[in-house]
Amino acid sequence: MGIPRAKAPVVRVAALLCPAGKDPDALLGELGRIWGPPSAVSAPVDFVFTRFYEREMGPGLVRLFAAFAEPAPAEDLRAWKIASNALEARHSRGGARRFNVDPGYLDMGTVVVASVKDAPQRVYVGDGIYAQPMLRFESGSFAAWPWTYPDYASPAAIGFFNAVREGYRAAARGR
């Protein structure tokens, strides 16, 4: 019989989607008040991977990723998604979101993202929230799964998550 062991704290991450030209600092500030300050933020990249969000948020969107400084328990992923949904709802206008926030976490071997949409590769974690492994670490770098969204599989995103992992690894050695 296996003996359950607590999972080490993880790095909370978030994928942010917002209109180009809109300063994401206000959104990052709000997230920082909920989750603590960001420790790393990627450069915004034009979101050209799909037009899915344009009907709701308009054209000219940018994607950026953030990692938050405070280590967090992975089992709180569901609560993070509920909180980010509430933040999106507070800022929506006429039922349309002005930005999208998808929280997740990074550990030594994976990047996991929360979603409200079911899919074969997602695991239900309660309250209408699903967890999806988005990237896996192998051969010295994060790599995509067949279902990984193209923005997460982009070289810029992979580079960002590799750098965050290196900081996580260094912090774990210091604990």
Protein backbone atom coordinates (compact mmCIF):
# COMPACT_ATOMS: atom_id res chain seq x y z
CA MET A 1 0.00 0.00 0.00
CA GLY A 2 1.27 3.43 -0.94
CA ILE A 3 1.62 6.16 1.63
CA PRO A 4 0.18 9.52 0.54
CA ARG A 5 2.60 12.42 0.74
CA ALA A 6 1.77 16.08 0.53
CA LYS A 7 2.73 17.77 -2.74
CA ALA A 8 5.34 20.49 -2.43
CA PRO A 9 4.00 24.01 -2.98
CA VAL A 10 3.84 25.04 -6.62
CA VAL A 11 4.30 28.25 -8.57
CA ARG A 12 0.93 29.81 -9.34
CA VAL A 13 0.82 31.01 -12.95
CA ALA A 14 -1.79 32.75 -15.07
CA ALA A 15 -2.35 33.26 -18.77
CA LEU A 16 -3.80 36.71 -19.43
CA LEU A 17 -5.58 37.73 -22.61
CA CYS A 18 -6.40 41.40 -23.08
CA PRO A 19 -6.82 44.00 -25.81
CA ALA A 20 -3.61 45.32 -27.35
CA GLY A 21 -2.80 48.82 -26.16
CA LYS A 22 -4.48 48.22 -22.80
CA ASP A 23 -1.95 48.29 -20.00
CA PRO A 24 -2.06 44.89 -18.23
CA ASP A 25 -0.53 46.39 -15.07
CA ALA A 26 -3.94 47.17 -13.56
CA LEU A 27 -5.05 43.57 -14.09
CA LEU A 28 -1.74 42.27 -12.71
CA GLY A 29 -2.20 44.57 -9.72
CA GLU A 30 -5.64 43.11 -9.00
CA LEU A 31 -4.31 39.59 -9.32
CA GLY A 32 -1.42 40.57 -7.06
CA ARG A 33 -3.86 41.68 -4.36
CA ILE A 34 -5.48 38.23 -4.53
CA TRP A 35 -2.42 35.99 -5.07
CA GLY A 36 0.54 38.11 -4.09
CA PRO A 37 2.87 40.00 -6.39
CA PRO A 38 4.04 38.55 -9.69
CA SER A 39 7.62 37.35 -9.72
CA ALA A 40 7.80 37.21 -13.52
CA VAL A 41 5.71 38.53 -16.40
CA SER A 42 6.26 37.65 -20.04
CA ALA A 43 6.28 40.19 -22.81
CA PRO A 44 2.88 40.56 -24.48
CA VAL A 45 2.57 38.60 -27.74
CA ASP A 46 -0.03 39.20 -30.41
CA PHE A 47 -2.74 36.56 -29.98
CA VAL A 48 -2.97 35.22 -33.52
CA PHE A 49 -3.60 31.60 -32.59
CA THR A 50 -7.41 31.67 -32.83
CA ARG A 51 -10.19 34.22 -33.34
CA PHE A 52 -12.37 32.54 -30.69
CA TYR A 53 -12.24 35.46 -28.24
CA GLU A 54 -12.68 38.29 -30.78
CA ARG A 55 -16.50 38.23 -30.77
CA GLU A 56 -16.49 38.87 -27.06
CA MET A 57 -13.35 40.93 -26.47
CA GLY A 58 -12.71 42.50 -29.86
CA PRO A 59 -9.78 42.18 -32.28
CA GLY A 60 -6.14 42.90 -31.54
CA LEU A 61 -5.68 40.79 -28.42
CA VAL A 62 -2.39 40.04 -26.70
CA ARG A 63 -1.35 37.09 -24.55
CA LEU A 64 0.99 37.31 -21.63
CA PHE A 65 1.89 34.95 -18.84
CA ALA A 66 2.58 35.73 -15.20
CA ALA A 67 4.12 33.74 -12.37
CA PHE A 68 3.41 34.70 -8.77
CA ALA A 69 6.03 34.87 -6.05
CA GLU A 70 4.22 33.16 -3.20
CA PRO A 71 4.38 29.33 -3.32
CA ALA A 72 0.87 27.87 -3.25
CA PRO A 73 -0.83 24.51 -2.67
CA ALA A 74 -1.73 22.80 -5.96
CA GLU A 75 -5.02 21.59 -4.50
CA ASP A 76 -6.25 25.20 -4.52
CA LEU A 77 -6.35 25.30 -8.34
CA ARG A 78 -10.16 25.12 -8.36
CA ALA A 79 -10.42 28.11 -6.01
CA TRP A 80 -8.04 30.11 -8.20
CA LYS A 81 -10.24 29.56 -11.25
CA ILE A 82 -13.36 30.54 -9.31
CA ALA A 83 -11.59 33.73 -8.17
CA SER A 84 -10.39 34.57 -11.69
CA ASN A 85 -13.91 34.00 -13.07
CA ALA A 86 -15.28 36.41 -10.46
CA LEU A 87 -12.66 39.00 -11.43
CA GLU A 88 -13.57 38.63 -15.13
CA ALA A 89 -17.28 39.00 -14.27
CA ARG A 90 -16.70 42.16 -12.17
CA HIS A 91 -15.00 43.83 -15.12
CA SER A 92 -17.31 42.59 -17.87
CA ARG A 93 -19.50 45.05 -19.76
CA GLY A 94 -22.87 44.01 -21.14
CA GLY A 95 -22.07 40.37 -20.42
CA ALA A 96 -18.83 40.50 -22.42
CA ARG A 97 -15.47 39.97 -20.76
CA ARG A 98 -12.85 42.66 -21.19
CA PHE A 99 -10.04 40.20 -20.47
CA ASN A 100 -9.49 36.51 -19.81
CA VAL A 101 -7.51 35.00 -16.92
CA ASP A 102 -6.65 31.31 -16.86
CA PRO A 103 -4.85 30.33 -13.66
CA GLY A 104 -2.70 27.30 -13.28
CA TYR A 105 0.47 26.06 -11.69
CA LEU A 106 3.99 25.02 -12.53
CA ASP A 107 6.03 22.39 -10.74
CA MET A 108 9.20 20.58 -11.72
CA GLY A 109 7.44 18.37 -14.26
CA THR A 110 4.35 20.10 -15.59
CA VAL A 111 2.30 23.20 -16.24
CA VAL A 112 -1.37 22.62 -15.36
CA VAL A 113 -4.16 25.04 -16.29
CA ALA A 114 -7.72 25.35 -14.95
CA SER A 115 -10.73 25.54 -17.27
CA VAL A 116 -14.51 25.52 -17.08
CA LYS A 117 -14.73 23.45 -20.27
CA ASP A 118 -14.71 19.66 -20.23
CA ALA A 119 -12.52 17.71 -22.67
CA PRO A 120 -11.09 14.18 -22.79
CA GLN A 121 -7.67 15.27 -21.46
CA ARG A 122 -9.12 17.28 -18.57
CA VAL A 123 -9.76 16.04 -15.06
CA TYR A 124 -12.77 17.28 -13.10
CA VAL A 125 -11.72 18.90 -9.81
CA GLY A 126 -15.16 20.07 -8.59
CA ASP A 127 -17.46 23.08 -8.79
CA GLY A 128 -17.50 23.00 -12.60
CA ILE A 129 -13.71 23.32 -12.85
CA TYR A 130 -11.35 21.04 -14.80
CA ALA A 131 -7.55 20.71 -14.69
CA GLN A 132 -5.54 20.18 -17.86
CA PRO A 133 -1.85 19.38 -18.10
CA MET A 134 -0.67 21.88 -20.70
CA LEU A 135 3.09 21.26 -20.79
CA ARG A 136 5.42 18.53 -19.55
CA PHE A 137 9.11 18.81 -18.75
CA GLU A 138 11.34 16.40 -20.65
CA SER A 139 14.84 16.43 -22.10
CA GLY A 140 15.65 19.74 -20.41
CA SER A 141 12.65 21.80 -21.54
CA PHE A 142 8.92 22.08 -21.30
CA ALA A 143 7.17 20.44 -24.25
CA ALA A 144 3.62 20.46 -25.59
CA TRP A 145 1.09 17.65 -25.53
CA PRO A 146 -1.00 17.00 -28.66
CA TRP A 147 -3.83 19.05 -27.09
CA THR A 148 -1.69 21.97 -25.90
CA TYR A 149 -2.96 25.33 -27.12
CA PRO A 150 -0.58 26.89 -29.67
CA ASP A 151 0.06 29.96 -27.50
CA TYR A 152 1.36 27.75 -24.68
CA ALA A 153 3.44 25.75 -27.19
CA SER A 154 5.04 28.88 -28.68
CA PRO A 155 8.79 29.38 -28.21
CA ALA A 156 8.11 32.52 -26.15
CA ALA A 157 5.82 30.66 -23.73
CA ILE A 158 8.15 27.68 -23.46
CA GLY A 159 11.05 30.05 -22.72
CA PHE A 160 9.02 31.84 -20.06
CA PHE A 161 7.96 28.62 -18.31
CA ASN A 162 11.50 27.20 -18.48
CA ALA A 163 12.83 30.34 -16.77
CA VAL A 164 10.11 30.20 -14.09
CA ARG A 165 10.90 26.51 -13.52
CA GLU A 166 14.57 27.32 -13.06
CA GLY A 167 13.67 29.86 -10.36
CA TYR A 168 11.36 27.31 -8.71
CA ARG A 169 14.12 24.71 -8.82
CA ALA A 170 16.62 27.10 -7.22
CA ALA A 171 14.13 28.03 -4.49
CA ALA A 172 13.39 24.34 -3.79
CA ARG A 173 17.11 23.67 -3.35
CA GLY A 174 17.24 26.51 -0.82
CA ARG A 175 14.35 25.15 1.27
